Each structure stands twice: as structure tokens, then as C-alpha cells.
Amino acid sequence: MSDEQNDRFLAGIGDNWRRIGADHARMHQQLRRTRHLPRLLRLADISGTLALFGVGCWFAWEAIAGQSVFFALSALVLLAVPPALLPAALRARKDSLVWADETPEEVLRMSLARTEAALRMAVLGQWKMIVIQVFLAVLWIAETTGLMQAGEFLNLYTLISLVILAAYAPWLEWRRTALSRERDTCLNLIADFDAA
């Protein structure tokens, strides 16, 4: 290798280390600032599931007391879906709870773990949208077949659900795209770090 090639090679390594150092500082600052966020989000997942389960129990009571198909269907969804999705949410966030050494490599790996956890939660968000759509379809089938009479409320509930879905779906896609880019950046930085 000539001196010129050697100088370019060493300059490239120096550029990589400076870039890794700058990215490390930025990521470390962000991770430090949001250090407790994964635990808070996990607590929110558990609390939200318990709250929805409680509402589901109340709806079940109302369904039995008032012989209401609407409350029975609502209770069925609230008693089945949130508890079924909770283990997946807890598993999705599990790796993001670890706070390791603050070396550049560990900061990159922690950032990657959080990004991958957020991507897994985005997939759960898509499942929640599917549940809402299926629930709406079941309610409308029950309404049109005469199993229940909740026309005005069902119209309002459908409008609110569709507005939420129309806003949530593009946001979720934007979020997944941003997280995928962030994951790719982390993977590239880890590869550069390993190569250096």
C-alpha cells in the first residue's frame, strides 16, 4: 500500500470515528433524557389493559342486566382483546428496558433495541386497527340483522372510529418509516463501529 493510499485509509478511519463519536453523543443524550420512558410505557400498557378489562366487566354486567347485545359484544371485545395483546406488548418492549454500560457500542445497541421495540409496537398498532374494523363490521351486522337496535349511537360510533382510523393509519405508516430509517442508521453505525 502506498503512502497516499495509507493516508486515505487512515483518514477514512478517522472520519468514521468522528462520525461515530458525534452520533454516539447525540444518541447518548437522547437515551439519557428518555431513560425511564420504556418502563413508563410498559406501566401504561399494563394500566390501560386493566382499565379496559374493568370497563369490559362493567359492560358484561350491563349486558346481563339489560339483555343488551351491544354491551355483550363490547364486553366480549374488551375482555378478550386487550389481555390477549398485553403479553405481545410486554415482549415487544422487553429489550428496551435494559440500561447497559454507556460505551459507544452499548449506546448504539440500546438505541437499536428501543427502535426495534417501537417497530414491534407499531405492528401491534396495526392489529388494533384491524380489531376496530372487525368490531365495527360485527356491530353493523348485528344492527342490520335486527339483533340490536342502536342506530343513532352506532352511526356516531362509526364516524368517530373512522376519523380515528383515518388519522392513525397515516401516522402509523409515517412512524414505521421513520423508525425503519433509524434502525438502518443504528445498524450501519454498529457495522462501522465493528469494522473500525
N, C-alpha and C. Protein backbone atom coordinates (compact mmCIF):
# COMPACT_ATOMS: atom_id res chain seq x y z
N MET A 1 0.86 -1.18 0.00
CA MET A 1 0.00 0.00 0.00
C MET A 1 0.90 1.23 0.00
N SER A 2 0.61 2.17 -0.91
CA SER A 2 1.42 3.39 -0.99
C SER A 2 1.11 4.29 0.19
N ASP A 3 1.98 5.30 0.37
CA ASP A 3 1.75 6.25 1.46
C ASP A 3 0.45 7.02 1.25
N GLU A 4 0.15 7.33 0.00
CA GLU A 4 -1.08 8.08 -0.28
C GLU A 4 -2.31 7.23 0.03
N GLN A 5 -2.29 5.95 -0.36
CA GLN A 5 -3.40 5.05 -0.05
C GLN A 5 -3.52 4.85 1.46
N ASN A 6 -2.40 4.72 2.11
CA ASN A 6 -2.38 4.56 3.56
C ASN A 6 -2.97 5.79 4.24
N ASP A 7 -2.61 6.99 3.77
CA ASP A 7 -3.15 8.23 4.34
C ASP A 7 -4.66 8.31 4.14
N ARG A 8 -5.13 7.91 2.93
CA ARG A 8 -6.58 7.95 2.67
C ARG A 8 -7.31 6.94 3.57
N PHE A 9 -6.72 5.77 3.73
CA PHE A 9 -7.29 4.74 4.59
C PHE A 9 -7.40 5.24 6.03
N LEU A 10 -6.30 5.82 6.53
CA LEU A 10 -6.31 6.34 7.90
C LEU A 10 -7.26 7.51 8.06
N ALA A 11 -7.35 8.36 7.03
CA ALA A 11 -8.29 9.49 7.08
C ALA A 11 -9.72 8.97 7.12
N GLY A 12 -10.00 7.89 6.35
CA GLY A 12 -11.34 7.30 6.36
C GLY A 12 -11.70 6.75 7.72
N ILE A 13 -10.74 6.06 8.35
CA ILE A 13 -10.98 5.55 9.71
C ILE A 13 -11.24 6.71 10.67
N GLY A 14 -10.44 7.78 10.54
CA GLY A 14 -10.63 8.95 11.41
C GLY A 14 -12.00 9.57 11.21
N ASP A 15 -12.44 9.67 9.93
CA ASP A 15 -13.77 10.23 9.66
C ASP A 15 -14.86 9.36 10.29
N ASN A 16 -14.71 8.03 10.15
CA ASN A 16 -15.69 7.12 10.75
C ASN A 16 -15.76 7.29 12.26
N TRP A 17 -14.60 7.38 12.91
CA TRP A 17 -14.57 7.53 14.37
C TRP A 17 -15.19 8.86 14.80
N ARG A 18 -14.91 9.93 14.03
CA ARG A 18 -15.51 11.23 14.38
C ARG A 18 -17.02 11.18 14.21
N ARG A 19 -17.48 10.54 13.13
CA ARG A 19 -18.93 10.44 12.90
C ARG A 19 -19.57 9.58 13.98
N ILE A 20 -18.93 8.46 14.30
CA ILE A 20 -19.46 7.60 15.39
C ILE A 20 -19.47 8.37 16.70
N GLY A 21 -18.43 9.15 16.96
CA GLY A 21 -18.38 9.94 18.20
C GLY A 21 -19.50 10.95 18.27
N ALA A 22 -19.76 11.65 17.14
CA ALA A 22 -20.85 12.64 17.12
C ALA A 22 -22.20 11.96 17.26
N ASP A 23 -22.41 10.85 16.54
CA ASP A 23 -23.68 10.13 16.64
C ASP A 23 -23.85 9.53 18.04
N HIS A 24 -22.74 9.04 18.61
CA HIS A 24 -22.79 8.50 19.96
C HIS A 24 -23.25 9.56 20.95
N ALA A 25 -22.69 10.75 20.84
CA ALA A 25 -23.06 11.82 21.78
C ALA A 25 -24.53 12.18 21.64
N ARG A 26 -25.01 12.27 20.40
CA ARG A 26 -26.42 12.61 20.17
C ARG A 26 -27.33 11.50 20.70
N MET A 27 -27.02 10.26 20.36
CA MET A 27 -27.84 9.14 20.82
C MET A 27 -27.79 9.00 22.34
N HIS A 28 -26.60 9.15 22.90
CA HIS A 28 -26.47 9.02 24.35
C HIS A 28 -27.31 10.08 25.07
N GLN A 29 -27.27 11.30 24.55
CA GLN A 29 -28.06 12.38 25.17
C GLN A 29 -29.55 12.07 25.09
N GLN A 30 -29.99 11.59 23.92
CA GLN A 30 -31.40 11.26 23.76
C GLN A 30 -31.80 10.08 24.66
N LEU A 31 -30.96 9.05 24.71
CA LEU A 31 -31.26 7.89 25.55
C LEU A 31 -31.29 8.28 27.03
N ARG A 32 -30.34 9.10 27.44
CA ARG A 32 -30.28 9.53 28.84
C ARG A 32 -31.54 10.33 29.20
N ARG A 33 -31.97 11.21 28.28
CA ARG A 33 -33.15 12.05 28.52
C ARG A 33 -34.42 11.19 28.64
N THR A 34 -34.48 10.10 27.89
CA THR A 34 -35.69 9.26 27.88
C THR A 34 -35.43 7.90 28.54
N ARG A 35 -34.50 7.89 29.46
CA ARG A 35 -34.07 6.64 30.09
C ARG A 35 -35.22 5.85 30.72
N HIS A 36 -36.17 6.52 31.33
CA HIS A 36 -37.25 5.84 32.05
C HIS A 36 -38.50 5.65 31.19
N LEU A 37 -38.48 6.16 29.97
CA LEU A 37 -39.66 6.07 29.11
C LEU A 37 -40.11 4.63 28.85
N PRO A 38 -39.22 3.69 28.52
CA PRO A 38 -39.70 2.32 28.29
C PRO A 38 -40.45 1.72 29.48
N ARG A 39 -39.98 2.00 30.69
CA ARG A 39 -40.67 1.48 31.88
C ARG A 39 -42.04 2.16 32.06
N LEU A 40 -42.11 3.47 31.78
CA LEU A 40 -43.38 4.17 31.88
C LEU A 40 -44.36 3.66 30.83
N LEU A 41 -43.87 3.40 29.63
CA LEU A 41 -44.75 2.88 28.58
C LEU A 41 -45.23 1.48 28.92
N ARG A 42 -44.38 0.69 29.53
CA ARG A 42 -44.78 -0.65 29.97
C ARG A 42 -45.86 -0.55 31.04
N LEU A 43 -45.68 0.37 31.98
CA LEU A 43 -46.69 0.59 33.02
C LEU A 43 -48.01 1.07 32.39
N ALA A 44 -47.91 1.93 31.37
CA ALA A 44 -49.11 2.42 30.68
C ALA A 44 -49.82 1.26 29.97
N ASP A 45 -49.05 0.36 29.37
CA ASP A 45 -49.66 -0.81 28.71
C ASP A 45 -50.44 -1.64 29.73
N ILE A 46 -49.83 -1.89 30.87
CA ILE A 46 -50.49 -2.71 31.90
C ILE A 46 -51.71 -1.98 32.46
N SER A 47 -51.55 -0.70 32.79
CA SER A 47 -52.66 0.08 33.35
C SER A 47 -53.81 0.19 32.37
N GLY A 48 -53.48 0.45 31.10
CA GLY A 48 -54.53 0.55 30.08
C GLY A 48 -55.29 -0.75 29.91
N THR A 49 -54.57 -1.85 29.93
CA THR A 49 -55.22 -3.15 29.80
C THR A 49 -56.14 -3.42 30.99
N LEU A 50 -55.67 -3.11 32.19
CA LEU A 50 -56.51 -3.30 33.38
C LEU A 50 -57.75 -2.42 33.33
N ALA A 51 -57.58 -1.18 32.87
CA ALA A 51 -58.73 -0.26 32.77
C ALA A 51 -59.74 -0.78 31.75
N LEU A 52 -59.26 -1.21 30.58
CA LEU A 52 -60.17 -1.73 29.56
C LEU A 52 -60.85 -3.01 30.03
N PHE A 53 -60.12 -3.84 30.77
CA PHE A 53 -60.72 -5.06 31.32
C PHE A 53 -61.82 -4.69 32.32
N GLY A 54 -61.58 -3.67 33.13
CA GLY A 54 -62.60 -3.20 34.07
C GLY A 54 -63.84 -2.70 33.36
N VAL A 55 -63.65 -1.93 32.29
CA VAL A 55 -64.79 -1.45 31.50
C VAL A 55 -65.51 -2.64 30.87
N GLY A 56 -64.73 -3.62 30.43
CA GLY A 56 -65.34 -4.83 29.86
C GLY A 56 -66.21 -5.57 30.88
N CYS A 57 -65.74 -5.63 32.12
CA CYS A 57 -66.55 -6.25 33.18
C CYS A 57 -67.84 -5.48 33.41
N TRP A 58 -67.74 -4.16 33.41
CA TRP A 58 -68.93 -3.32 33.57
C TRP A 58 -69.90 -3.55 32.42
N PHE A 59 -69.36 -3.59 31.18
CA PHE A 59 -70.21 -3.84 30.01
C PHE A 59 -70.86 -5.22 30.10
N ALA A 60 -70.13 -6.21 30.59
CA ALA A 60 -70.70 -7.55 30.74
C ALA A 60 -71.86 -7.52 31.74
N TRP A 61 -71.67 -6.79 32.83
CA TRP A 61 -72.75 -6.64 33.81
C TRP A 61 -73.98 -5.98 33.18
N GLU A 62 -73.74 -4.90 32.43
CA GLU A 62 -74.84 -4.21 31.75
C GLU A 62 -75.52 -5.11 30.73
N ALA A 63 -74.73 -5.93 30.04
CA ALA A 63 -75.30 -6.84 29.04
C ALA A 63 -76.23 -7.85 29.69
N ILE A 64 -75.80 -8.37 30.84
CA ILE A 64 -76.62 -9.36 31.55
C ILE A 64 -77.86 -8.69 32.14
N ALA A 65 -77.68 -7.53 32.76
CA ALA A 65 -78.80 -6.85 33.41
C ALA A 65 -79.82 -6.34 32.41
N GLY A 66 -79.33 -5.81 31.27
CA GLY A 66 -80.26 -5.20 30.31
C GLY A 66 -80.51 -6.03 29.07
N GLN A 67 -79.99 -7.27 29.04
CA GLN A 67 -80.15 -8.11 27.86
C GLN A 67 -79.75 -7.34 26.58
N SER A 68 -78.58 -6.67 26.65
CA SER A 68 -78.13 -5.82 25.55
C SER A 68 -77.07 -6.54 24.72
N VAL A 69 -77.37 -6.70 23.43
CA VAL A 69 -76.41 -7.32 22.51
C VAL A 69 -75.21 -6.39 22.32
N PHE A 70 -75.47 -5.09 22.25
CA PHE A 70 -74.38 -4.13 22.06
C PHE A 70 -73.38 -4.22 23.22
N PHE A 71 -73.89 -4.21 24.45
CA PHE A 71 -72.99 -4.31 25.60
C PHE A 71 -72.30 -5.68 25.65
N ALA A 72 -73.00 -6.72 25.23
CA ALA A 72 -72.40 -8.06 25.22
C ALA A 72 -71.24 -8.12 24.22
N LEU A 73 -71.44 -7.59 23.03
CA LEU A 73 -70.37 -7.58 22.02
C LEU A 73 -69.20 -6.71 22.48
N SER A 74 -69.53 -5.56 23.06
CA SER A 74 -68.47 -4.67 23.56
C SER A 74 -67.68 -5.33 24.68
N ALA A 75 -68.40 -6.00 25.58
CA ALA A 75 -67.73 -6.70 26.69
C ALA A 75 -66.83 -7.80 26.15
N LEU A 76 -67.31 -8.53 25.17
CA LEU A 76 -66.52 -9.62 24.59
C LEU A 76 -65.20 -9.09 24.04
N VAL A 77 -65.25 -7.98 23.31
CA VAL A 77 -64.03 -7.40 22.73
C VAL A 77 -63.10 -6.91 23.84
N LEU A 78 -63.65 -6.19 24.82
CA LEU A 78 -62.80 -5.61 25.86
C LEU A 78 -62.24 -6.66 26.83
N LEU A 79 -62.94 -7.75 27.01
CA LEU A 79 -62.45 -8.80 27.90
C LEU A 79 -61.47 -9.74 27.19
N ALA A 80 -61.50 -9.78 25.86
CA ALA A 80 -60.65 -10.72 25.13
C ALA A 80 -59.41 -10.06 24.51
N VAL A 81 -59.60 -8.94 23.83
CA VAL A 81 -58.51 -8.39 23.01
C VAL A 81 -57.38 -7.75 23.84
N PRO A 82 -57.67 -6.78 24.74
CA PRO A 82 -56.54 -6.18 25.47
C PRO A 82 -55.70 -7.19 26.26
N PRO A 83 -56.30 -8.14 27.00
CA PRO A 83 -55.46 -9.12 27.68
C PRO A 83 -54.67 -10.01 26.71
N ALA A 84 -55.23 -10.25 25.52
CA ALA A 84 -54.51 -11.07 24.54
C ALA A 84 -53.33 -10.31 23.95
N LEU A 85 -53.45 -8.99 23.78
CA LEU A 85 -52.38 -8.20 23.20
C LEU A 85 -51.32 -7.78 24.22
N LEU A 86 -51.66 -7.78 25.50
CA LEU A 86 -50.71 -7.33 26.53
C LEU A 86 -49.42 -8.14 26.54
N PRO A 87 -49.45 -9.48 26.52
CA PRO A 87 -48.17 -10.20 26.51
C PRO A 87 -47.29 -9.83 25.31
N ALA A 88 -47.92 -9.61 24.16
CA ALA A 88 -47.14 -9.21 22.98
C ALA A 88 -46.50 -7.84 23.19
N ALA A 89 -47.24 -6.93 23.80
CA ALA A 89 -46.69 -5.60 24.07
C ALA A 89 -45.55 -5.67 25.08
N LEU A 90 -45.69 -6.49 26.11
CA LEU A 90 -44.63 -6.63 27.11
C LEU A 90 -43.38 -7.27 26.50
N ARG A 91 -43.59 -8.26 25.64
CA ARG A 91 -42.44 -8.87 24.95
C ARG A 91 -41.79 -7.87 23.99
N ALA A 92 -42.60 -7.07 23.32
CA ALA A 92 -42.07 -6.10 22.36
C ALA A 92 -41.17 -5.08 23.04
N ARG A 93 -41.51 -4.69 24.25
CA ARG A 93 -40.73 -3.66 24.96
C ARG A 93 -39.60 -4.24 25.82
N LYS A 94 -39.55 -5.56 25.98
CA LYS A 94 -38.62 -6.19 26.93
C LYS A 94 -37.17 -5.76 26.73
N ASP A 95 -36.68 -5.81 25.50
CA ASP A 95 -35.27 -5.48 25.25
C ASP A 95 -34.96 -4.00 25.44
N SER A 96 -35.98 -3.15 25.36
CA SER A 96 -35.74 -1.72 25.50
C SER A 96 -35.62 -1.29 26.96
N LEU A 97 -35.89 -2.21 27.89
CA LEU A 97 -35.82 -1.87 29.32
C LEU A 97 -34.40 -1.90 29.87
N VAL A 98 -33.50 -2.54 29.15
CA VAL A 98 -32.13 -2.73 29.63
C VAL A 98 -31.34 -1.43 29.50
N TRP A 99 -30.65 -1.06 30.56
CA TRP A 99 -29.74 0.08 30.52
C TRP A 99 -28.36 -0.46 30.84
N ALA A 100 -27.52 -0.50 29.82
CA ALA A 100 -26.20 -1.12 29.96
C ALA A 100 -25.14 -0.05 30.14
N ASP A 101 -23.89 -0.46 29.99
CA ASP A 101 -22.78 0.49 30.06
C ASP A 101 -23.00 1.59 29.03
N GLU A 102 -22.36 2.69 29.25
CA GLU A 102 -22.56 3.82 28.36
C GLU A 102 -21.41 3.97 27.37
N THR A 103 -20.83 2.85 26.96
CA THR A 103 -19.80 2.88 25.93
C THR A 103 -20.48 3.18 24.60
N PRO A 104 -19.73 3.65 23.61
CA PRO A 104 -20.36 3.95 22.31
C PRO A 104 -21.10 2.75 21.72
N GLU A 105 -20.52 1.57 21.82
CA GLU A 105 -21.18 0.40 21.26
C GLU A 105 -22.48 0.09 22.00
N GLU A 106 -22.48 0.18 23.33
CA GLU A 106 -23.69 -0.10 24.10
C GLU A 106 -24.78 0.94 23.82
N VAL A 107 -24.38 2.19 23.64
CA VAL A 107 -25.36 3.24 23.32
C VAL A 107 -26.03 2.91 21.99
N LEU A 108 -25.24 2.49 21.00
CA LEU A 108 -25.79 2.11 19.70
C LEU A 108 -26.74 0.92 19.85
N ARG A 109 -26.34 -0.05 20.64
CA ARG A 109 -27.18 -1.24 20.80
C ARG A 109 -28.46 -0.92 21.59
N MET A 110 -28.37 -0.03 22.58
CA MET A 110 -29.58 0.39 23.32
C MET A 110 -30.52 1.14 22.38
N SER A 111 -29.96 2.01 21.56
CA SER A 111 -30.78 2.76 20.61
C SER A 111 -31.46 1.82 19.62
N LEU A 112 -30.72 0.83 19.16
CA LEU A 112 -31.29 -0.17 18.25
C LEU A 112 -32.41 -0.95 18.94
N ALA A 113 -32.20 -1.34 20.19
CA ALA A 113 -33.23 -2.10 20.93
C ALA A 113 -34.50 -1.29 21.09
N ARG A 114 -34.36 -0.01 21.40
CA ARG A 114 -35.55 0.83 21.55
C ARG A 114 -36.28 1.01 20.22
N THR A 115 -35.49 1.18 19.16
CA THR A 115 -36.10 1.36 17.84
C THR A 115 -36.85 0.10 17.42
N GLU A 116 -36.24 -1.05 17.64
CA GLU A 116 -36.91 -2.30 17.28
C GLU A 116 -38.15 -2.54 18.13
N ALA A 117 -38.10 -2.14 19.40
CA ALA A 117 -39.29 -2.26 20.27
C ALA A 117 -40.41 -1.38 19.74
N ALA A 118 -40.07 -0.17 19.33
CA ALA A 118 -41.09 0.75 18.78
C ALA A 118 -41.67 0.20 17.48
N LEU A 119 -40.84 -0.43 16.66
CA LEU A 119 -41.35 -1.05 15.42
C LEU A 119 -42.31 -2.19 15.74
N ARG A 120 -41.98 -3.00 16.74
CA ARG A 120 -42.89 -4.09 17.13
C ARG A 120 -44.21 -3.52 17.66
N MET A 121 -44.15 -2.42 18.39
CA MET A 121 -45.38 -1.79 18.89
C MET A 121 -46.21 -1.23 17.74
N ALA A 122 -45.55 -0.78 16.68
CA ALA A 122 -46.28 -0.29 15.51
C ALA A 122 -47.07 -1.43 14.85
N VAL A 123 -46.49 -2.62 14.84
CA VAL A 123 -47.21 -3.79 14.31
C VAL A 123 -48.44 -4.07 15.18
N LEU A 124 -48.29 -3.95 16.50
CA LEU A 124 -49.45 -4.13 17.38
C LEU A 124 -50.50 -3.06 17.12
N GLY A 125 -50.04 -1.85 16.80
CA GLY A 125 -50.98 -0.78 16.44
C GLY A 125 -51.80 -1.15 15.22
N GLN A 126 -51.19 -1.81 14.25
CA GLN A 126 -51.94 -2.27 13.08
C GLN A 126 -52.98 -3.32 13.47
N TRP A 127 -52.62 -4.21 14.38
CA TRP A 127 -53.58 -5.21 14.84
C TRP A 127 -54.76 -4.55 15.55
N LYS A 128 -54.48 -3.51 16.30
CA LYS A 128 -55.58 -2.80 16.99
C LYS A 128 -56.52 -2.16 15.98
N MET A 129 -55.96 -1.62 14.89
CA MET A 129 -56.82 -1.05 13.85
C MET A 129 -57.70 -2.13 13.22
N ILE A 130 -57.15 -3.31 13.01
CA ILE A 130 -57.93 -4.42 12.45
C ILE A 130 -59.06 -4.81 13.40
N VAL A 131 -58.76 -4.85 14.71
CA VAL A 131 -59.80 -5.19 15.69
C VAL A 131 -60.94 -4.17 15.64
N ILE A 132 -60.61 -2.89 15.56
CA ILE A 132 -61.66 -1.86 15.48
C ILE A 132 -62.52 -2.06 14.24
N GLN A 133 -61.89 -2.34 13.11
CA GLN A 133 -62.64 -2.52 11.87
C GLN A 133 -63.55 -3.76 11.94
N VAL A 134 -63.03 -4.85 12.49
CA VAL A 134 -63.84 -6.07 12.62
C VAL A 134 -65.00 -5.83 13.59
N PHE A 135 -64.71 -5.13 14.68
CA PHE A 135 -65.76 -4.83 15.66
C PHE A 135 -66.87 -3.99 15.03
N LEU A 136 -66.48 -2.99 14.26
CA LEU A 136 -67.49 -2.18 13.56
C LEU A 136 -68.33 -3.04 12.62
N ALA A 137 -67.67 -3.92 11.88
CA ALA A 137 -68.41 -4.79 10.95
C ALA A 137 -69.40 -5.67 11.71
N VAL A 138 -68.95 -6.25 12.83
CA VAL A 138 -69.85 -7.11 13.63
C VAL A 138 -71.03 -6.31 14.16
N LEU A 139 -70.77 -5.08 14.64
CA LEU A 139 -71.87 -4.24 15.14
C LEU A 139 -72.88 -3.95 14.04
N TRP A 140 -72.39 -3.63 12.85
CA TRP A 140 -73.31 -3.33 11.75
C TRP A 140 -74.07 -4.58 11.30
N ILE A 141 -73.45 -5.73 11.35
CA ILE A 141 -74.16 -6.97 11.02
C ILE A 141 -75.27 -7.21 12.05
N ALA A 142 -74.92 -7.02 13.33
CA ALA A 142 -75.93 -7.19 14.38
C ALA A 142 -77.06 -6.19 14.22
N GLU A 143 -76.73 -4.97 13.82
CA GLU A 143 -77.76 -3.94 13.62
C GLU A 143 -78.65 -4.26 12.43
N THR A 144 -78.05 -4.63 11.31
CA THR A 144 -78.85 -4.87 10.10
C THR A 144 -79.65 -6.17 10.18
N THR A 145 -79.20 -7.13 10.98
CA THR A 145 -79.97 -8.38 11.13
C THR A 145 -81.03 -8.27 12.23
N GLY A 146 -81.06 -7.16 12.93
CA GLY A 146 -82.08 -6.95 13.96
C GLY A 146 -81.71 -7.49 15.33
N LEU A 147 -80.48 -7.96 15.53
CA LEU A 147 -80.07 -8.45 16.85
C LEU A 147 -79.99 -7.32 17.86
N MET A 148 -79.75 -6.11 17.38
CA MET A 148 -79.70 -4.96 18.29
C MET A 148 -80.24 -3.74 17.56
N GLN A 149 -80.66 -2.77 18.33
CA GLN A 149 -81.14 -1.50 17.79
C GLN A 149 -80.38 -0.37 18.45
N ALA A 150 -79.32 0.05 17.78
CA ALA A 150 -78.50 1.15 18.33
C ALA A 150 -78.13 2.09 17.20
N GLY A 151 -79.06 2.35 16.30
CA GLY A 151 -78.81 3.10 15.08
C GLY A 151 -78.08 4.42 15.25
N GLU A 152 -78.63 5.34 16.04
CA GLU A 152 -78.01 6.66 16.19
C GLU A 152 -76.64 6.55 16.85
N PHE A 153 -76.57 5.78 17.92
CA PHE A 153 -75.29 5.63 18.59
C PHE A 153 -74.28 4.96 17.67
N LEU A 154 -74.72 3.95 16.92
CA LEU A 154 -73.82 3.23 16.03
C LEU A 154 -73.30 4.14 14.92
N ASN A 155 -74.15 5.01 14.42
CA ASN A 155 -73.69 5.98 13.41
C ASN A 155 -72.59 6.88 13.99
N LEU A 156 -72.82 7.39 15.20
CA LEU A 156 -71.83 8.26 15.84
C LEU A 156 -70.55 7.49 16.14
N TYR A 157 -70.68 6.27 16.67
CA TYR A 157 -69.53 5.44 17.00
C TYR A 157 -68.72 5.12 15.73
N THR A 158 -69.41 4.85 14.64
CA THR A 158 -68.74 4.55 13.38
C THR A 158 -67.99 5.78 12.88
N LEU A 159 -68.62 6.94 12.94
CA LEU A 159 -67.97 8.17 12.49
C LEU A 159 -66.71 8.45 13.30
N ILE A 160 -66.81 8.35 14.62
CA ILE A 160 -65.64 8.59 15.49
C ILE A 160 -64.54 7.58 15.19
N SER A 161 -64.91 6.30 15.04
CA SER A 161 -63.91 5.26 14.76
C SER A 161 -63.22 5.50 13.42
N LEU A 162 -63.98 5.87 12.41
CA LEU A 162 -63.39 6.10 11.10
C LEU A 162 -62.47 7.32 11.10
N VAL A 163 -62.84 8.36 11.83
CA VAL A 163 -61.97 9.53 11.94
C VAL A 163 -60.66 9.15 12.63
N ILE A 164 -60.77 8.38 13.71
CA ILE A 164 -59.56 7.93 14.43
C ILE A 164 -58.70 7.08 13.52
N LEU A 165 -59.30 6.13 12.81
CA LEU A 165 -58.54 5.26 11.91
C LEU A 165 -57.91 6.06 10.77
N ALA A 166 -58.64 7.04 10.25
CA ALA A 166 -58.11 7.85 9.14
C ALA A 166 -56.91 8.69 9.59
N ALA A 167 -56.88 9.09 10.84
CA ALA A 167 -55.74 9.86 11.35
C ALA A 167 -54.61 8.92 11.79
N TYR A 168 -54.97 7.80 12.39
CA TYR A 168 -53.97 6.89 12.97
C TYR A 168 -53.19 6.12 11.92
N ALA A 169 -53.86 5.68 10.86
CA ALA A 169 -53.20 4.85 9.84
C ALA A 169 -52.04 5.59 9.16
N PRO A 170 -52.22 6.84 8.68
CA PRO A 170 -51.08 7.52 8.07
C PRO A 170 -49.98 7.84 9.08
N TRP A 171 -50.37 8.20 10.31
CA TRP A 171 -49.35 8.47 11.33
C TRP A 171 -48.54 7.22 11.61
N LEU A 172 -49.22 6.08 11.69
CA LEU A 172 -48.53 4.83 11.97
C LEU A 172 -47.56 4.48 10.85
N GLU A 173 -47.99 4.70 9.60
CA GLU A 173 -47.10 4.42 8.47
C GLU A 173 -45.90 5.36 8.48
N TRP A 174 -46.13 6.65 8.79
CA TRP A 174 -45.03 7.62 8.89
C TRP A 174 -44.07 7.19 9.99
N ARG A 175 -44.61 6.77 11.11
CA ARG A 175 -43.80 6.35 12.25
C ARG A 175 -42.96 5.12 11.90
N ARG A 176 -43.57 4.16 11.24
CA ARG A 176 -42.84 2.95 10.84
C ARG A 176 -41.71 3.29 9.88
N THR A 177 -41.97 4.20 8.95
CA THR A 177 -40.92 4.60 8.00
C THR A 177 -39.76 5.27 8.74
N ALA A 178 -40.09 6.19 9.65
CA ALA A 178 -39.04 6.89 10.41
C ALA A 178 -38.26 5.91 11.28
N LEU A 179 -38.96 4.99 11.91
CA LEU A 179 -38.28 4.00 12.76
C LEU A 179 -37.41 3.06 11.94
N SER A 180 -37.86 2.70 10.76
CA SER A 180 -37.05 1.84 9.89
C SER A 180 -35.76 2.55 9.49
N ARG A 181 -35.87 3.84 9.18
CA ARG A 181 -34.65 4.61 8.86
C ARG A 181 -33.73 4.68 10.06
N GLU A 182 -34.30 4.90 11.23
CA GLU A 182 -33.48 4.97 12.46
C GLU A 182 -32.81 3.63 12.74
N ARG A 183 -33.55 2.54 12.54
CA ARG A 183 -32.97 1.21 12.74
C ARG A 183 -31.81 0.98 11.76
N ASP A 184 -32.01 1.36 10.49
CA ASP A 184 -30.95 1.20 9.50
C ASP A 184 -29.72 2.03 9.87
N THR A 185 -29.94 3.23 10.38
CA THR A 185 -28.82 4.08 10.82
C THR A 185 -28.06 3.41 11.95
N CYS A 186 -28.79 2.88 12.92
CA CYS A 186 -28.15 2.18 14.04
C CYS A 186 -27.35 0.98 13.55
N LEU A 187 -27.95 0.20 12.65
CA LEU A 187 -27.25 -0.98 12.14
C LEU A 187 -25.99 -0.59 11.37
N ASN A 188 -26.07 0.49 10.57
CA ASN A 188 -24.89 0.96 9.85
C ASN A 188 -23.82 1.43 10.80
N LEU A 189 -24.22 2.16 11.83
CA LEU A 189 -23.24 2.65 12.80
C LEU A 189 -22.59 1.50 13.57
N ILE A 190 -23.37 0.49 13.91
CA ILE A 190 -22.83 -0.69 14.59
C ILE A 190 -21.83 -1.40 13.67
N ALA A 191 -22.20 -1.52 12.39
CA ALA A 191 -21.29 -2.16 11.43
C ALA A 191 -20.01 -1.36 11.29
N ASP A 192 -20.14 0.00 11.21
CA ASP A 192 -18.95 0.84 11.13
C ASP A 192 -18.10 0.70 12.39
N PHE A 193 -18.78 0.65 13.53
CA PHE A 193 -18.07 0.52 14.80
C PHE A 193 -17.30 -0.80 14.85
N ASP A 194 -17.99 -1.87 14.44
CA ASP A 194 -17.36 -3.18 14.44
C ASP A 194 -16.19 -3.23 13.46
N ALA A 195 -16.37 -2.58 12.31
CA ALA A 195 -15.30 -2.58 11.29
C ALA A 195 -14.09 -1.75 11.77
N ALA A 196 -14.39 -0.65 12.49
CA ALA A 196 -13.30 0.22 12.96
C ALA A 196 -12.59 -0.44 14.11
